Protein backbone atom coordinates (compact mmCIF):
# COMPACT_ATOMS: atom_id res chain seq x y z
CA MET A 1 -50.05 55.07 61.10
CA VAL A 2 -49.62 57.56 58.31
CA PHE A 3 -46.61 55.73 56.91
CA ASN A 4 -48.71 52.52 56.45
CA ASP A 5 -52.03 54.18 55.49
CA VAL A 6 -53.60 52.52 52.39
CA ARG A 7 -54.01 56.03 50.78
CA PHE A 8 -50.23 56.12 50.21
CA ARG A 9 -49.77 52.42 48.99
CA CYS A 10 -48.98 53.89 45.56
CA TYR A 11 -46.28 56.08 46.94
CA SER A 12 -42.63 55.39 47.41
CA ARG A 13 -41.90 55.95 51.12
CA ALA A 14 -39.01 57.05 53.22
CA TRP A 15 -38.86 57.29 57.11
CA VAL A 16 -36.10 59.20 58.94
CA ASN A 17 -36.04 58.94 62.67
CA ASN A 18 -34.12 61.18 65.21
CA SER A 19 -31.93 62.80 62.58
CA LEU A 20 -30.53 66.22 63.52
CA GLU A 21 -28.37 66.97 60.49
CA LEU A 22 -29.70 68.09 57.00
CA HIS A 23 -27.21 65.98 55.19
CA GLU A 24 -28.07 62.89 57.21
CA ILE A 25 -31.74 63.37 56.33
CA GLY A 26 -31.05 63.72 52.72
CA LYS A 27 -28.65 60.70 52.50
CA SER A 28 -31.08 58.48 54.42
CA ILE A 29 -33.89 59.42 51.99
CA ILE A 30 -31.71 58.81 48.90
CA SER A 31 -30.66 55.42 50.28
CA GLN A 32 -34.27 54.32 51.01
CA LEU A 33 -35.69 55.57 47.66
CA SER A 34 -32.73 54.17 45.51
CA GLY A 35 -32.18 51.05 47.41
CA LYS A 36 -28.38 51.78 47.76
CA GLU A 37 -25.85 54.24 48.83
CA GLU A 38 -25.00 56.27 45.83
CA LEU A 39 -23.03 59.32 46.99
CA SER A 40 -19.28 59.15 46.81
CA HIS A 41 -17.22 59.85 50.05
CA ALA A 42 -16.17 63.09 48.54
CA SER A 43 -19.74 64.34 48.23
CA GLU A 44 -21.58 62.57 50.91
CA ASP A 45 -21.89 65.55 53.10
CA ASP A 46 -22.01 68.20 50.43
CA MET A 47 -25.56 69.61 50.55
CA ASP A 48 -25.47 70.70 46.90
CA SER A 49 -24.65 67.18 45.79
CA ILE A 50 -27.28 65.62 48.12
CA ARG A 51 -29.95 68.10 46.98
CA ASP A 52 -29.26 67.60 43.30
CA ARG A 53 -29.33 63.75 43.64
CA LEU A 54 -32.47 63.99 45.67
CA HIS A 55 -34.19 66.18 43.10
CA LYS A 56 -33.33 63.72 40.24
CA LEU A 57 -34.75 60.79 42.40
CA LEU A 58 -37.98 62.74 43.26
CA ASN A 59 -38.56 63.86 39.59
CA GLY A 60 -41.76 62.24 38.43
CA MET A 61 -42.25 60.36 41.63
CA LYS A 62 -45.03 60.27 44.30
CA VAL A 63 -43.34 60.13 47.54
CA LEU A 64 -44.27 60.15 51.20
CA VAL A 65 -41.48 61.21 53.57
CA VAL A 66 -41.83 60.93 57.35
CA LEU A 67 -39.43 62.89 59.62
CA ASP A 68 -40.04 61.47 62.95
CA ASP A 69 -38.94 63.40 66.18
CA LEU A 70 -37.63 66.24 64.09
CA PHE A 71 -35.80 69.14 65.69
CA MET A 72 -34.31 71.93 63.59
CA ALA A 73 -32.88 75.43 63.95
CA SER A 74 -34.86 78.13 62.34
CA TYR A 75 -32.25 78.75 59.69
CA GLU A 76 -32.38 75.03 58.56
CA TRP A 77 -36.06 75.19 57.58
CA GLU A 78 -35.53 76.84 54.18
CA PRO A 79 -32.77 74.41 53.07
CA LEU A 80 -35.00 71.48 54.28
CA LYS A 81 -37.96 72.66 52.04
CA GLN A 82 -35.50 73.20 49.09
CA MET A 83 -34.44 69.56 49.39
CA PHE A 84 -37.92 68.54 48.49
CA SER A 85 -38.87 71.36 45.92
CA VAL A 86 -39.27 69.53 42.65
CA ASP A 87 -41.25 70.78 39.61
CA GLY A 88 -41.11 67.62 37.41
CA LYS A 89 -44.36 66.52 35.80
CA GLY A 90 -46.18 63.91 37.96
CA SER A 91 -43.97 64.76 41.01
CA GLN A 92 -45.76 64.83 44.40
CA VAL A 93 -43.74 64.95 47.61
CA ILE A 94 -45.68 64.87 50.87
CA VAL A 95 -43.56 65.49 54.08
CA VAL A 96 -44.88 64.62 57.42
CA ALA A 97 -42.86 65.65 60.63
CA THR A 98 -43.44 65.04 64.17
CA THR A 99 -41.94 67.73 66.34
CA THR A 100 -42.52 69.83 69.47
CA GLN A 101 -41.30 73.00 67.68
CA THR A 102 -43.74 75.66 66.42
CA TRP A 103 -43.35 76.85 62.85
CA THR A 104 -45.07 79.69 61.00
CA ASP A 105 -45.03 79.01 57.27
CA SER A 106 -47.64 79.06 54.43
CA VAL A 107 -46.72 75.57 53.39
CA ILE A 108 -47.05 73.89 56.89
CA HIS A 109 -50.38 72.50 58.10
CA VAL A 110 -50.05 71.97 61.86
CA HIS A 111 -52.03 69.33 63.63
CA THR A 112 -51.68 69.47 67.46
CA LEU A 113 -52.06 66.09 69.09
CA ASP A 114 -53.40 66.18 72.58
CA LEU A 115 -52.55 63.57 75.09
CA LEU A 116 -54.91 60.76 75.58
CA SER A 117 -57.31 60.55 78.39
CA LYS A 118 -56.90 58.09 81.21
CA ASP A 119 -59.88 56.27 80.06
CA MET A 120 -58.52 55.90 76.53
CA CYS A 121 -55.12 54.55 77.72
CA CYS A 122 -57.09 52.22 79.99
CA THR A 123 -58.97 50.95 76.80
CA ILE A 124 -55.76 50.46 74.94
CA ILE A 125 -54.17 48.51 77.71
CA LYS A 126 -57.23 46.11 78.22
CA GLN A 127 -57.50 45.56 74.45
CA LEU A 128 -53.87 44.56 73.91
CA ALA A 129 -53.53 42.68 77.22
CA GLY A 130 -56.93 40.94 76.99
CA GLY A 131 -55.91 38.40 74.40
CA SER A 132 -55.32 35.69 76.96
CA LYS A 133 -57.89 32.85 76.87
CA ASP A 134 -57.77 32.53 80.68
CA PRO A 135 -60.97 34.15 82.01
CA SER A 136 -59.51 34.22 85.50
CA THR A 137 -57.26 37.10 84.50
CA LYS A 138 -60.18 39.33 83.55
CA LYS A 139 -60.91 40.57 87.05
CA GLU A 140 -57.17 41.29 87.75
CA LEU A 141 -57.00 43.15 84.38
CA GLU A 142 -60.04 45.37 85.28
CA GLN A 143 -58.34 46.31 88.49
CA ILE A 144 -54.82 46.96 87.42
CA ALA A 145 -55.46 48.56 83.95
CA PRO A 146 -56.77 51.99 85.43
CA ALA A 147 -53.83 52.21 87.78
CA ILE A 148 -51.40 51.68 84.97
CA ALA A 149 -53.30 54.00 82.60
CA GLU A 150 -53.01 56.81 85.18
CA ARG A 151 -49.30 56.46 85.09
CA CYS A 152 -48.97 56.50 81.27
CA GLY A 153 -49.21 60.24 81.25
CA GLY A 154 -51.59 60.31 78.23
CA LEU A 155 -48.92 58.69 76.05
CA PRO A 156 -50.28 56.18 73.54
CA LEU A 157 -47.01 54.40 73.03
CA ALA A 158 -46.73 53.73 76.78
CA ALA A 159 -50.22 52.31 76.92
CA GLN A 160 -49.48 50.10 74.02
CA LEU A 161 -46.21 48.83 75.46
CA PHE A 162 -47.75 48.14 78.94
CA GLY A 163 -50.77 46.38 77.32
CA ARG A 164 -48.51 44.03 75.46
CA LEU A 165 -46.28 43.61 78.62
CA LEU A 166 -49.36 42.58 80.58
CA LYS A 167 -50.41 40.06 77.92
CA PHE A 168 -47.13 38.10 78.06
CA LYS A 169 -46.60 38.41 81.75
CA HIS A 170 -48.17 36.07 84.33
CA TYR A 171 -51.03 37.86 85.99
CA GLU A 172 -49.71 37.20 89.47
CA ALA A 173 -46.78 39.39 88.60
CA TRP A 174 -48.81 42.27 87.34
CA PRO A 175 -48.94 44.09 90.79
CA THR A 176 -45.17 44.48 90.53
CA LEU A 177 -45.59 47.05 87.79
CA LEU A 178 -47.23 49.45 90.31
CA ASP A 179 -44.10 49.54 92.54
CA LYS A 180 -43.41 53.20 93.08
CA SER A 181 -39.71 52.76 92.92
CA LEU A 182 -40.06 51.78 89.23
CA TRP A 183 -41.78 54.99 88.21
CA SER A 184 -38.81 57.41 88.53
CA ASP A 185 -38.50 57.29 84.71
CA ASN A 186 -40.97 58.40 82.14
CA ALA A 187 -43.68 55.84 81.20
CA VAL A 188 -42.39 55.10 77.76
CA ASP A 189 -38.83 54.50 78.91
CA LEU A 190 -39.97 52.35 81.80
CA SER A 191 -42.31 50.15 79.56
CA LEU A 192 -39.40 49.65 77.04
CA GLU A 193 -37.10 48.69 79.84
CA LEU A 194 -39.51 46.26 81.40
CA SER A 195 -40.36 44.76 78.10
CA TYR A 196 -36.73 44.18 77.34
CA ARG A 197 -36.22 42.66 80.76
CA SER A 198 -39.10 40.19 80.26
CA MET A 199 -37.64 38.82 76.90
CA PRO A 200 -35.69 35.54 76.83
CA PRO A 201 -32.00 35.97 76.87
CA ASN A 202 -31.49 35.08 73.17
CA LEU A 203 -34.13 37.66 72.08
CA ARG A 204 -32.54 40.32 74.16
CA LEU A 205 -29.38 39.68 72.34
CA CYS A 206 -31.14 40.12 69.05
CA VAL A 207 -32.65 43.45 70.16
CA ALA A 208 -29.30 44.64 71.48
CA TYR A 209 -27.65 43.91 68.05
CA CYS A 210 -30.36 45.89 66.32
CA THR A 211 -29.85 48.86 68.68
CA LEU A 212 -26.04 48.83 68.28
CA SER A 213 -25.76 48.21 64.64
CA TYR A 214 -28.72 50.13 63.14
CA VAL A 215 -30.62 52.35 65.59
CA ALA A 216 -27.33 53.98 67.00
CA ALA A 217 -25.89 54.44 63.57
CA HIS A 218 -29.15 55.80 62.06
CA GLN A 219 -28.99 53.00 59.46
CA ARG A 220 -32.08 51.59 57.63
CA LEU A 221 -33.02 48.21 58.91
CA VAL A 222 -33.55 45.64 56.08
CA LYS A 223 -35.38 42.61 57.43
CA GLU A 224 -33.80 40.00 55.20
CA ASP A 225 -30.22 41.30 56.03
CA LEU A 226 -30.90 41.33 59.62
CA ILE A 227 -32.20 37.77 59.75
CA HIS A 228 -29.04 36.47 58.03
CA GLN A 229 -26.94 38.47 60.44
CA TRP A 230 -28.64 37.10 63.43
CA ILE A 231 -28.24 33.43 62.04
CA ALA A 232 -24.56 34.02 61.20
CA LEU A 233 -23.92 35.45 64.76
CA GLY A 234 -25.64 32.43 66.38
CA LEU A 235 -28.28 34.66 67.95
CA ILE A 236 -31.21 32.43 66.88
CA GLU A 237 -31.88 29.69 69.42
CA PRO A 238 -32.23 26.32 67.77
CA SER A 239 -35.74 24.92 67.72
CA ASP A 240 -36.83 21.16 67.93
CA GLY A 241 -36.36 20.95 64.18
CA THR A 242 -39.97 21.75 63.20
CA ILE A 243 -39.14 25.43 62.51
CA SER A 244 -36.28 26.60 60.25
CA ALA A 245 -33.89 29.25 61.68
CA ILE A 246 -35.14 31.78 59.04
CA LYS A 247 -38.82 31.25 60.10
CA LEU A 248 -37.93 31.56 63.72
CA ALA A 249 -36.01 34.77 63.15
CA GLU A 250 -39.09 36.20 61.18
CA GLU A 251 -41.19 35.49 64.23
CA TYR A 252 -38.64 37.36 66.39
């Protein structure tokens, strides 16, 4: 939500997810802001080189950096701040980090996010699942949404995923989501797994390719590059001729 907020549309933006190493955070931000890998192999893990290059990039820029799911040792906090400490005229660097850690620092403004209530989770589920034009599903949705909301544990992502899953799943199969044997995992993991299982086989291959090629390697995903890779690997299922492979891949 913060990353796409209209208040930051004039800012350059960088997003780093699940990165545990300072040099990996720095290299990812440099790559996203410059649009290319610029560090040589000899200096790619050298923090002095990374910090100097980052300072040059940030000089005079307005930048929003999101560090998602950040976890750092206490001794790493000062080096992290130094990475973004620029004094150039016009420079403005805003760093937003999501973390379960507690920090005491004068430059940090902490905003604690509470879990959602069951009613709020239920509302999200019904809003996302209620897009069906079939009015016969309304009664079933009113019955099952509260039961699923209770199992979401107050996690908004779980509510969103289950809402979308209900939308594209036939309502007669909805009760299977309440099977107690399914709920040994946490709600988010379960909703992701069920969403993946419900995809057509060719779409599952596309998701698996993204996971192995980009997410696992902490690489930035570029939409146009990914589309051409899918097509080259034959992962885009041919249409009836009315939709091009590129257009179909964009819909994926």
